[in-house]
Amino acid sequence: MFMVTHDGGQSWTWVTLPIPADEPPRLASLPCDCQAVNLVFANPLHGSFVLHRSLIPTELPTNEDWTYTTGDGGRSWTVVRSTP
């Protein structure tokens, strides 16, 4: 989940972020320590950010980055896996 605003921060709404198509369903539902970084908008419609994701609990630490992009001002997002 990710929050967006379209009125300069006066109100915020939740947006559900998609998971990468190749993400195994068993991993997609695990809790994670997630951090959104490098949020950049080139103009009011086109933006991107990186979601750094550390799964908990897993046998070995699982860290990966997913890059999210939007072309509609943050109303919807697409995702690609940046690093395995």
C-alpha atoms as a PDB file:
ATOM      1  CA  MET A   1       0.000   0.000   0.000  1.00  0.00           C
ATOM      2  CA  PHE A   2       1.148   3.501  -0.789  1.00  0.00           C
ATOM      3  CA  MET A   3      -0.428   6.880  -0.037  1.00  0.00           C
ATOM      4  CA  VAL A   4      -0.878   9.615  -2.658  1.00  0.00           C
ATOM      5  CA  THR A   5      -2.177  13.155  -2.683  1.00  0.00           C
ATOM      6  CA  HIS A   6      -3.627  15.148  -5.564  1.00  0.00           C
ATOM      7  CA  ASP A   7      -4.314  18.391  -3.701  1.00  0.00           C
ATOM      8  CA  GLY A   8      -0.921  19.440  -2.373  1.00  0.00           C
ATOM      9  CA  GLY A   9      -1.104  17.270   0.741  1.00  0.00           C
ATOM     10  CA  GLN A  10      -4.459  18.387   2.137  1.00  0.00           C
ATOM     11  CA  SER A  11      -5.864  14.874   1.781  1.00  0.00           C
ATOM     12  CA  TRP A  12      -4.264  11.476   1.174  1.00  0.00           C
ATOM     13  CA  THR A  13      -5.605   8.193  -0.210  1.00  0.00           C
ATOM     14  CA  TRP A  14      -4.246   4.663  -0.239  1.00  0.00           C
ATOM     15  CA  VAL A  15      -3.171   3.108  -3.531  1.00  0.00           C
ATOM     16  CA  THR A  16      -2.552  -0.626  -3.770  1.00  0.00           C
ATOM     17  CA  LEU A  17       0.806  -1.303  -5.379  1.00  0.00           C
ATOM     18  CA  PRO A  18       1.106  -4.288  -7.717  1.00  0.00           C
ATOM     19  CA  ILE A  19       3.723  -6.990  -7.193  1.00  0.00           C
ATOM     20  CA  PRO A  20       6.077  -8.105  -9.983  1.00  0.00           C
ATOM     21  CA  ALA A  21       4.550 -10.770 -12.222  1.00  0.00           C
ATOM     22  CA  ASP A  22       7.398 -13.182 -11.464  1.00  0.00           C
ATOM     23  CA  GLU A  23       7.040 -12.925  -7.664  1.00  0.00           C
ATOM     24  CA  PRO A  24       6.230 -16.341  -6.129  1.00  0.00           C
ATOM     25  CA  PRO A  25       2.840 -16.144  -4.353  1.00  0.00           C
ATOM     26  CA  ARG A  26       4.304 -17.597  -1.146  1.00  0.00           C
ATOM     27  CA  LEU A  27       6.756 -14.674  -0.926  1.00  0.00           C
ATOM     28  CA  ALA A  28       4.237 -12.021  -1.928  1.00  0.00           C
ATOM     29  CA  SER A  29       2.225 -12.564   1.255  1.00  0.00           C
ATOM     30  CA  LEU A  30       5.152 -12.468   3.736  1.00  0.00           C
ATOM     31  CA  PRO A  31       5.563  -9.413   5.968  1.00  0.00           C
ATOM     32  CA  CYS A  32       8.368  -7.132   4.915  1.00  0.00           C
ATOM     33  CA  ASP A  33      10.454  -4.249   6.101  1.00  0.00           C
ATOM     34  CA  CYS A  34       9.830  -1.934   3.135  1.00  0.00           C
ATOM     35  CA  GLN A  35      11.145   1.500   2.341  1.00  0.00           C
ATOM     36  CA  ALA A  36      10.220   3.784  -0.565  1.00  0.00           C
ATOM     37  CA  VAL A  37      13.214   5.785  -1.825  1.00  0.00           C
ATOM     38  CA  ASN A  38      14.106   8.073  -4.719  1.00  0.00           C
ATOM     39  CA  LEU A  39      10.583   9.348  -5.391  1.00  0.00           C
ATOM     40  CA  VAL A  40      10.851  11.598  -8.458  1.00  0.00           C
ATOM     41  CA  PHE A  41       8.233  13.222 -10.677  1.00  0.00           C
ATOM     42  CA  ALA A  42       9.440  14.469 -14.060  1.00  0.00           C
ATOM     43  CA  ASN A  43       6.128  16.332 -14.445  1.00  0.00           C
ATOM     44  CA  PRO A  44       2.728  16.157 -12.688  1.00  0.00           C
ATOM     45  CA  LEU A  45       1.846  12.867 -14.435  1.00  0.00           C
ATOM     46  CA  HIS A  46       5.074  10.853 -14.776  1.00  0.00           C
ATOM     47  CA  GLY A  47       6.964   9.671 -11.729  1.00  0.00           C
ATOM     48  CA  SER A  48       8.838   6.773 -10.203  1.00  0.00           C
ATOM     49  CA  PHE A  49      10.258   5.428  -6.967  1.00  0.00           C
ATOM     50  CA  VAL A  50      12.154   2.399  -5.725  1.00  0.00           C
ATOM     51  CA  LEU A  51      10.688   0.123  -3.076  1.00  0.00           C
ATOM     52  CA  HIS A  52      13.463  -1.544  -1.093  1.00  0.00           C
ATOM     53  CA  ARG A  53      12.019  -4.752   0.309  1.00  0.00           C
ATOM     54  CA  SER A  54      13.472  -7.024   3.009  1.00  0.00           C
ATOM     55  CA  LEU A  55      11.348 -10.093   3.668  1.00  0.00           C
ATOM     56  CA  ILE A  56      10.790 -11.256   7.229  1.00  0.00           C
ATOM     57  CA  PRO A  57      11.011 -14.038   8.204  1.00  0.00           C
ATOM     58  CA  THR A  58      12.989 -16.001   5.674  1.00  0.00           C
ATOM     59  CA  GLU A  59      15.782 -18.539   6.070  1.00  0.00           C
ATOM     60  CA  LEU A  60      18.248 -16.117   4.548  1.00  0.00           C
ATOM     61  CA  PRO A  61      17.776 -12.365   4.371  1.00  0.00           C
ATOM     62  CA  THR A  62      15.958 -11.523   1.160  1.00  0.00           C
ATOM     63  CA  ASN A  63      16.583  -7.990  -0.058  1.00  0.00           C
ATOM     64  CA  GLU A  64      15.426  -6.678  -3.390  1.00  0.00           C
ATOM     65  CA  ASP A  65      14.402  -3.466  -5.086  1.00  0.00           C
ATOM     66  CA  TRP A  66      11.271  -2.963  -7.129  1.00  0.00           C
ATOM     67  CA  THR A  67      10.922   0.091  -9.374  1.00  0.00           C
ATOM     68  CA  TYR A  68       7.441   1.605  -9.611  1.00  0.00           C
ATOM     69  CA  THR A  69       6.386   4.053 -12.324  1.00  0.00           C
ATOM     70  CA  THR A  70       3.224   6.052 -12.941  1.00  0.00           C
ATOM     71  CA  GLY A  71       1.905   7.920 -15.958  1.00  0.00           C
ATOM     72  CA  ASP A  72      -1.296   9.222 -14.354  1.00  0.00           C
ATOM     73  CA  GLY A  73      -0.076  11.298 -11.428  1.00  0.00           C
ATOM     74  CA  GLY A  74       0.122   8.388  -8.995  1.00  0.00           C
ATOM     75  CA  ARG A  75      -3.398   7.026  -9.368  1.00  0.00           C
ATOM     76  CA  SER A  76      -1.978   3.722 -10.631  1.00  0.00           C
ATOM     77  CA  TRP A  77       1.488   2.191 -10.712  1.00  0.00           C
ATOM     78  CA  THR A  78       3.375  -0.431 -12.703  1.00  0.00           C
ATOM     79  CA  VAL A  79       6.282  -2.397 -11.277  1.00  0.00           C
ATOM     80  CA  VAL A  80       9.441  -4.148 -12.409  1.00  0.00           C
ATOM     81  CA  ARG A  81      11.931  -6.019 -10.257  1.00  0.00           C
ATOM     82  CA  SER A  82      15.158  -4.009 -10.181  1.00  0.00           C
ATOM     83  CA  THR A  83      17.392  -6.518  -8.403  1.00  0.00           C
ATOM     84  CA  PRO A  84      16.937 -10.179  -7.536  1.00  0.00           C
END
